[in-house]
N, C-alpha and C. Protein backbone atom coordinates (compact mmCIF):
# COMPACT_ATOMS: atom_id res chain seq x y z
N UNK A 1 0.37 -1.59 0.11
CA UNK A 1 -0.33 -0.35 -0.18
C UNK A 1 1.11 1.19 0.11
N UNK A 2 0.17 2.46 -0.72
CA UNK A 2 1.00 3.17 -0.65
C UNK A 2 0.36 4.46 -0.70
N UNK A 3 0.53 5.38 -0.11
CA UNK A 3 0.27 6.76 1.20
C UNK A 3 0.46 7.83 0.25
N UNK A 4 -0.59 8.94 0.11
CA UNK A 4 -0.40 9.92 -0.74
C UNK A 4 -1.23 11.18 0.52
N UNK A 5 -0.27 11.97 1.26
CA UNK A 5 -0.24 12.73 1.88
C UNK A 5 -0.47 14.46 1.84
N UNK A 6 -0.78 15.18 2.71
CA UNK A 6 -0.34 16.69 2.40
C UNK A 6 0.24 17.12 3.23
N UNK A 7 1.56 17.83 2.39
CA UNK A 7 2.14 18.50 4.23
C UNK A 7 1.94 19.18 4.71
N UNK A 8 1.40 20.29 3.99
CA UNK A 8 0.39 21.24 4.78
C UNK A 8 -0.25 21.70 3.98
N UNK A 9 -1.72 21.72 5.11
CA UNK A 9 -3.38 22.47 4.16
C UNK A 9 -3.46 23.88 4.00
N UNK A 10 -3.80 23.99 3.16
CA UNK A 10 -3.47 25.65 2.33
C UNK A 10 -5.05 25.90 2.93
N UNK A 11 -5.54 27.04 2.94
CA UNK A 11 -6.95 27.62 2.73
C UNK A 11 -7.79 27.03 2.08
N UNK A 12 -7.45 27.46 0.57
CA UNK A 12 -8.36 26.69 -0.15
C UNK A 12 -8.20 24.88 -0.35
N UNK A 13 -7.48 24.36 -0.51
CA UNK A 13 -7.42 23.22 0.11
C UNK A 13 -8.66 22.77 1.05
N UNK A 14 -8.25 23.60 2.55
CA UNK A 14 -9.54 23.07 3.67
C UNK A 14 -11.12 23.13 2.64
N UNK A 15 -11.51 24.15 2.08
CA UNK A 15 -12.23 24.06 1.60
C UNK A 15 -12.82 23.18 0.50
N UNK A 16 -11.48 22.26 -0.32
CA UNK A 16 -12.50 21.95 -0.57
C UNK A 16 -12.32 20.41 -0.32
N UNK A 17 -13.23 19.60 -1.19
CA UNK A 17 -13.70 18.07 -1.08
C UNK A 17 -12.77 16.82 -1.02
N UNK A 18 -10.82 17.62 -1.28
CA UNK A 18 -9.89 16.69 -1.33
C UNK A 18 -9.91 16.32 0.54
N UNK A 19 -9.04 15.26 0.49
CA UNK A 19 -8.87 14.03 1.18
C UNK A 19 -7.09 14.51 2.20
N UNK A 20 -6.51 15.25 3.43
CA UNK A 20 -5.69 15.12 3.44
C UNK A 20 -4.43 13.58 3.26
N UNK A 21 -5.34 12.54 3.70
CA UNK A 21 -4.56 11.64 3.07
C UNK A 21 -5.46 10.12 2.81
N UNK A 22 -4.43 9.62 1.59
CA UNK A 22 -5.31 9.17 1.15
C UNK A 22 -4.49 7.48 0.65
N UNK A 23 -5.11 6.75 0.82
CA UNK A 23 -3.52 4.64 0.44
C UNK A 23 -4.70 3.93 -0.91
N UNK A 24 -3.05 3.99 -1.67
CA UNK A 24 -3.70 3.12 -2.26
C UNK A 24 -2.99 1.64 -2.20
N UNK A 25 -3.32 0.97 -3.27
CA UNK A 25 -3.05 -0.20 -3.74
C UNK A 25 -1.40 -0.30 -4.26
N UNK A 26 -1.12 0.19 -5.41
CA UNK A 26 0.49 0.17 -5.79
C UNK A 26 0.25 1.65 -5.51
N UNK A 27 2.02 1.58 -5.87
CA UNK A 27 2.64 3.02 -5.66
C UNK A 27 2.69 4.21 -7.40
N UNK A 28 2.33 3.08 -8.63
CA UNK A 28 1.82 3.65 -9.51
C UNK A 28 0.26 4.35 -9.76
N UNK A 29 -1.15 4.13 -8.79
CA UNK A 29 -1.72 4.08 -8.83
C UNK A 29 -2.31 5.59 -7.88
N UNK A 30 -0.78 5.72 -6.59
CA UNK A 30 -0.65 6.71 -5.67
C UNK A 30 0.32 8.04 -7.06
N UNK A 31 1.14 7.69 -7.26
CA UNK A 31 1.62 8.68 -8.66
C UNK A 31 0.64 9.28 -8.85
N UNK A 32 -0.06 8.47 -9.54
CA UNK A 32 -1.37 8.87 -10.74
C UNK A 32 -2.09 10.66 -10.22
N UNK A 33 -1.97 9.93 -9.09
CA UNK A 33 -3.52 10.37 -8.36
C UNK A 33 -3.07 11.68 -7.81
N UNK A 34 -1.76 11.84 -7.44
CA UNK A 34 -0.75 12.60 -6.76
C UNK A 34 -0.58 13.22 -7.96
N UNK A 35 -0.12 13.09 -8.75
CA UNK A 35 -0.18 14.32 -10.29
C UNK A 35 -0.73 14.76 -10.28
N UNK A 36 -2.72 14.14 -10.47
CA UNK A 36 -3.34 14.28 -10.95
C UNK A 36 -3.73 15.81 -9.57
N UNK A 37 -4.16 15.34 -8.95
CA UNK A 37 -4.67 16.59 -8.19
C UNK A 37 -3.46 17.60 -7.83
N UNK A 38 -1.87 17.50 -8.28
CA UNK A 38 -1.44 18.47 -8.20
C UNK A 38 -1.98 19.33 -9.57
N UNK A 39 -1.72 19.14 -10.45
CA UNK A 39 -2.78 19.91 -11.10
C UNK A 39 -3.62 20.42 -10.82
N UNK A 40 -4.02 20.07 -10.59
CA UNK A 40 -5.63 20.76 -10.41
C UNK A 40 -5.70 21.65 -9.61
N UNK A 41 -5.10 21.42 -8.40
CA UNK A 41 -5.09 22.25 -7.83
C UNK A 41 -4.41 23.30 -8.00
N UNK A 42 -2.79 23.67 -8.68
CA UNK A 42 -2.42 24.63 -9.54
C UNK A 42 -3.72 25.17 -10.17
N UNK A 43 -4.43 24.44 -11.12
CA UNK A 43 -5.31 25.28 -11.72
C UNK A 43 -6.29 25.72 -11.80
N UNK A 44 -6.24 25.63 -10.05
CA UNK A 44 -7.95 25.96 -10.22
C UNK A 44 -8.26 26.15 -8.17
N UNK A 45 -7.04 26.28 -7.69
CA UNK A 45 -6.85 26.85 -6.49
C UNK A 45 -7.13 28.69 -6.26
N UNK A 46 -6.21 29.40 -5.59
CA UNK A 46 -6.07 31.03 -5.43
C UNK A 46 -4.80 31.11 -6.30
N UNK A 47 -4.10 29.77 -6.86
CA UNK A 47 -2.90 30.80 -7.16
C UNK A 47 -1.83 31.47 -6.14
N UNK A 48 -2.33 31.37 -4.88
CA UNK A 48 -0.92 31.36 -4.01
C UNK A 48 0.24 30.22 -4.14
N UNK A 49 -0.60 29.57 -4.09
CA UNK A 49 0.69 28.43 -3.66
C UNK A 49 0.86 27.20 -4.90
N UNK A 50 2.16 26.52 -5.16
CA UNK A 50 1.99 26.31 -6.51
C UNK A 50 2.71 24.15 -5.72
N UNK A 51 1.81 23.74 -5.72
CA UNK A 51 1.81 21.91 -5.93
C UNK A 51 2.86 21.09 -5.98
N UNK A 52 3.36 20.05 -5.91
CA UNK A 52 5.02 19.52 -6.12
C UNK A 52 4.80 18.60 -4.85
N UNK A 53 4.50 17.11 -6.40
CA UNK A 53 4.68 15.68 -5.42
C UNK A 53 5.82 15.45 -5.61
N UNK A 54 6.23 15.08 -3.63
CA UNK A 54 7.94 14.71 -3.56
C UNK A 54 7.16 13.13 -2.83
N UNK A 55 8.71 11.88 -3.66
CA UNK A 55 8.33 10.96 -2.88
C UNK A 55 9.65 11.15 -1.95
N UNK A 56 8.93 10.36 -0.48
CA UNK A 56 9.01 10.95 0.86
C UNK A 56 9.94 9.58 1.23
N UNK A 57 9.11 8.48 1.27
CA UNK A 57 9.40 7.75 1.60
C UNK A 57 8.97 6.23 1.09
N UNK A 58 9.08 5.23 1.50
CA UNK A 58 9.06 4.01 1.08
C UNK A 58 7.81 3.46 0.93
N UNK A 59 6.72 3.57 0.04
CA UNK A 59 4.92 4.10 0.01
C UNK A 59 4.60 4.56 0.52
N UNK A 60 4.95 6.36 0.47
CA UNK A 60 4.78 7.25 1.03
C UNK A 60 4.78 8.44 0.47
N UNK A 61 3.75 9.06 -0.34
CA UNK A 61 3.95 10.20 -1.06
C UNK A 61 3.25 11.36 -0.62
N UNK A 62 4.44 13.07 -0.95
CA UNK A 62 3.57 14.18 0.57
C UNK A 62 3.83 14.76 -0.93
N UNK A 63 2.68 15.39 -0.85
CA UNK A 63 2.82 16.71 -1.70
C UNK A 63 2.75 18.46 -1.23
N UNK A 64 3.74 18.71 -1.58
CA UNK A 64 4.67 20.16 -0.72
C UNK A 64 4.15 21.03 -1.72
N UNK A 65 3.30 22.22 -0.58
CA UNK A 65 3.16 22.98 -0.99
C UNK A 65 4.10 24.35 -1.03
N UNK A 66 3.89 25.86 -2.39
CA UNK A 66 5.07 26.35 -1.84
C UNK A 66 4.92 27.68 -2.84
N UNK A 67 5.07 29.18 -1.91
CA UNK A 67 4.68 30.09 -2.57
C UNK A 67 4.18 30.49 -3.88
N UNK A 68 4.39 30.63 -4.50
CA UNK A 68 4.17 30.65 -5.74
C UNK A 68 4.70 32.73 -5.74
N UNK A 69 5.69 32.90 -6.52
CA UNK A 69 6.31 34.28 -6.46
C UNK A 69 7.47 34.51 -6.77
């Protein structure tokens, strides 16, 4: 099992329907979800932050946010 989790939750994320931690059966499935989630958040959120996927540990992916600008 592979876990995708948010490193920090900004206001836009907290107001969204996304889950801060989600578990998948395979690493590929988790990576695809994390990449699609980052892409969607980068396109639809307020643009104050930029989101990216970091593989942090065995079977864990973290979605990191950084200030835009």
